[in-house]
Amino acid sequence: MKCSDVINQLSDYLDAEAAQDLCAQLESHLADCPQCRIQIDTVKKTISLYRSERSMECPEQVRTRLHTVLSFEYRKK
């Protein structure tokens, strides 16, 4: 299994909708591929934060940078 295969199957794997043999292949790949493990862990953490009931305030500096980038991208179109 290649890293691109892991990425293509990521949603099914995380939603526990992948077949058992596919899960076994993915987990075998993850055991040997730190880059894919990092990516999966990051997505899992993002999902967990999104599902949490905790409200998080966006720091003003981040909000300003985000607004600047979005404004720039909007004007390009």
C-alpha atoms as a PDB file:
ATOM      1  CA  MET A   1       0.000   0.000   0.000  1.00  0.00           C
ATOM      2  CA  LYS A   2       1.262   3.465  -0.901  1.00  0.00           C
ATOM      3  CA  CYS A   3       0.769   6.704   1.015  1.00  0.00           C
ATOM      4  CA  SER A   4      -1.643   7.935  -1.660  1.00  0.00           C
ATOM      5  CA  ASP A   5      -3.791   4.832  -1.060  1.00  0.00           C
ATOM      6  CA  VAL A   6      -3.926   5.662   2.651  1.00  0.00           C
ATOM      7  CA  ILE A   7      -5.039   9.212   1.882  1.00  0.00           C
ATOM      8  CA  ASN A   8      -7.725   7.976  -0.514  1.00  0.00           C
ATOM      9  CA  GLN A   9      -9.117   5.591   2.116  1.00  0.00           C
ATOM     10  CA  LEU A  10      -8.666   7.903   5.104  1.00  0.00           C
ATOM     11  CA  SER A  11     -12.295   8.910   5.499  1.00  0.00           C
ATOM     12  CA  ASP A  12     -13.615   5.344   5.440  1.00  0.00           C
ATOM     13  CA  TYR A  13     -10.888   4.231   7.830  1.00  0.00           C
ATOM     14  CA  LEU A  14     -11.579   6.972  10.357  1.00  0.00           C
ATOM     15  CA  ASP A  15     -15.336   6.464  10.093  1.00  0.00           C
ATOM     16  CA  ALA A  16     -14.837   2.688  10.635  1.00  0.00           C
ATOM     17  CA  GLU A  17     -16.540   1.991   7.319  1.00  0.00           C
ATOM     18  CA  ALA A  18     -13.580   0.286   5.665  1.00  0.00           C
ATOM     19  CA  ALA A  19     -13.563  -3.474   5.215  1.00  0.00           C
ATOM     20  CA  GLN A  20     -11.513  -5.464   7.704  1.00  0.00           C
ATOM     21  CA  ASP A  21      -8.888  -6.466   5.134  1.00  0.00           C
ATOM     22  CA  LEU A  22      -8.468  -2.827   4.087  1.00  0.00           C
ATOM     23  CA  CYS A  23      -8.126  -1.779   7.730  1.00  0.00           C
ATOM     24  CA  ALA A  24      -5.431  -4.408   8.210  1.00  0.00           C
ATOM     25  CA  GLN A  25      -3.542  -3.110   5.151  1.00  0.00           C
ATOM     26  CA  LEU A  26      -3.845   0.492   6.326  1.00  0.00           C
ATOM     27  CA  GLU A  27      -2.685  -0.356   9.838  1.00  0.00           C
ATOM     28  CA  SER A  28       0.260  -2.320   8.448  1.00  0.00           C
ATOM     29  CA  HIS A  29       1.265   0.710   6.376  1.00  0.00           C
ATOM     30  CA  LEU A  30       0.817   3.036   9.350  1.00  0.00           C
ATOM     31  CA  ALA A  31       3.098   0.854  11.457  1.00  0.00           C
ATOM     32  CA  ASP A  32       5.935   1.546   9.009  1.00  0.00           C
ATOM     33  CA  CYS A  33       5.141   5.071   7.811  1.00  0.00           C
ATOM     34  CA  PRO A  34       5.591   7.918  10.304  1.00  0.00           C
ATOM     35  CA  GLN A  35       4.377  10.545   7.790  1.00  0.00           C
ATOM     36  CA  CYS A  36       1.013   8.830   7.357  1.00  0.00           C
ATOM     37  CA  ARG A  37       0.721   8.260  11.119  1.00  0.00           C
ATOM     38  CA  ILE A  38       1.242  11.985  11.680  1.00  0.00           C
ATOM     39  CA  GLN A  39      -1.370  12.822   9.077  1.00  0.00           C
ATOM     40  CA  ILE A  40      -3.925  10.399  10.542  1.00  0.00           C
ATOM     41  CA  ASP A  41      -3.242  11.615  14.083  1.00  0.00           C
ATOM     42  CA  THR A  42      -3.676  15.218  12.948  1.00  0.00           C
ATOM     43  CA  VAL A  43      -7.000  14.476  11.285  1.00  0.00           C
ATOM     44  CA  LYS A  44      -8.184  12.530  14.348  1.00  0.00           C
ATOM     45  CA  LYS A  45      -7.247  15.436  16.612  1.00  0.00           C
ATOM     46  CA  THR A  46      -9.002  17.917  14.314  1.00  0.00           C
ATOM     47  CA  ILE A  47     -12.167  15.817  14.369  1.00  0.00           C
ATOM     48  CA  SER A  48     -11.977  15.522  18.145  1.00  0.00           C
ATOM     49  CA  LEU A  49     -11.601  19.282  18.577  1.00  0.00           C
ATOM     50  CA  TYR A  50     -14.454  19.934  16.185  1.00  0.00           C
ATOM     51  CA  ARG A  51     -16.743  17.556  18.055  1.00  0.00           C
ATOM     52  CA  SER A  52     -15.872  18.912  21.466  1.00  0.00           C
ATOM     53  CA  GLU A  53     -18.323  21.290  23.036  1.00  0.00           C
ATOM     54  CA  ARG A  54     -15.556  23.605  24.064  1.00  0.00           C
ATOM     55  CA  SER A  55     -15.601  26.958  22.369  1.00  0.00           C
ATOM     56  CA  MET A  56     -12.160  28.204  21.429  1.00  0.00           C
ATOM     57  CA  GLU A  57     -11.393  31.832  20.821  1.00  0.00           C
ATOM     58  CA  CYS A  58      -9.267  32.567  17.785  1.00  0.00           C
ATOM     59  CA  PRO A  59      -6.261  34.739  18.702  1.00  0.00           C
ATOM     60  CA  GLU A  60      -6.453  38.225  17.216  1.00  0.00           C
ATOM     61  CA  GLN A  61      -3.169  37.797  15.316  1.00  0.00           C
ATOM     62  CA  VAL A  62      -4.455  34.609  13.649  1.00  0.00           C
ATOM     63  CA  ARG A  63      -7.792  36.242  12.861  1.00  0.00           C
ATOM     64  CA  THR A  64      -6.036  39.214  11.233  1.00  0.00           C
ATOM     65  CA  ARG A  65      -3.766  36.997   9.125  1.00  0.00           C
ATOM     66  CA  LEU A  66      -6.695  34.825   8.048  1.00  0.00           C
ATOM     67  CA  HIS A  67      -8.747  37.872   7.082  1.00  0.00           C
ATOM     68  CA  THR A  68      -5.819  39.243   5.051  1.00  0.00           C
ATOM     69  CA  VAL A  69      -5.296  35.990   3.150  1.00  0.00           C
ATOM     70  CA  LEU A  70      -8.999  35.482   2.472  1.00  0.00           C
ATOM     71  CA  SER A  71      -9.398  39.064   1.272  1.00  0.00           C
ATOM     72  CA  PHE A  72      -6.442  38.662  -1.069  1.00  0.00           C
ATOM     73  CA  GLU A  73      -7.790  35.370  -2.476  1.00  0.00           C
ATOM     74  CA  TYR A  74     -11.271  36.847  -2.895  1.00  0.00           C
ATOM     75  CA  ARG A  75      -9.919  39.810  -4.893  1.00  0.00           C
ATOM     76  CA  LYS A  76      -7.989  37.513  -7.256  1.00  0.00           C
ATOM     77  CA  LYS A  77     -11.223  36.037  -8.615  1.00  0.00           C
END
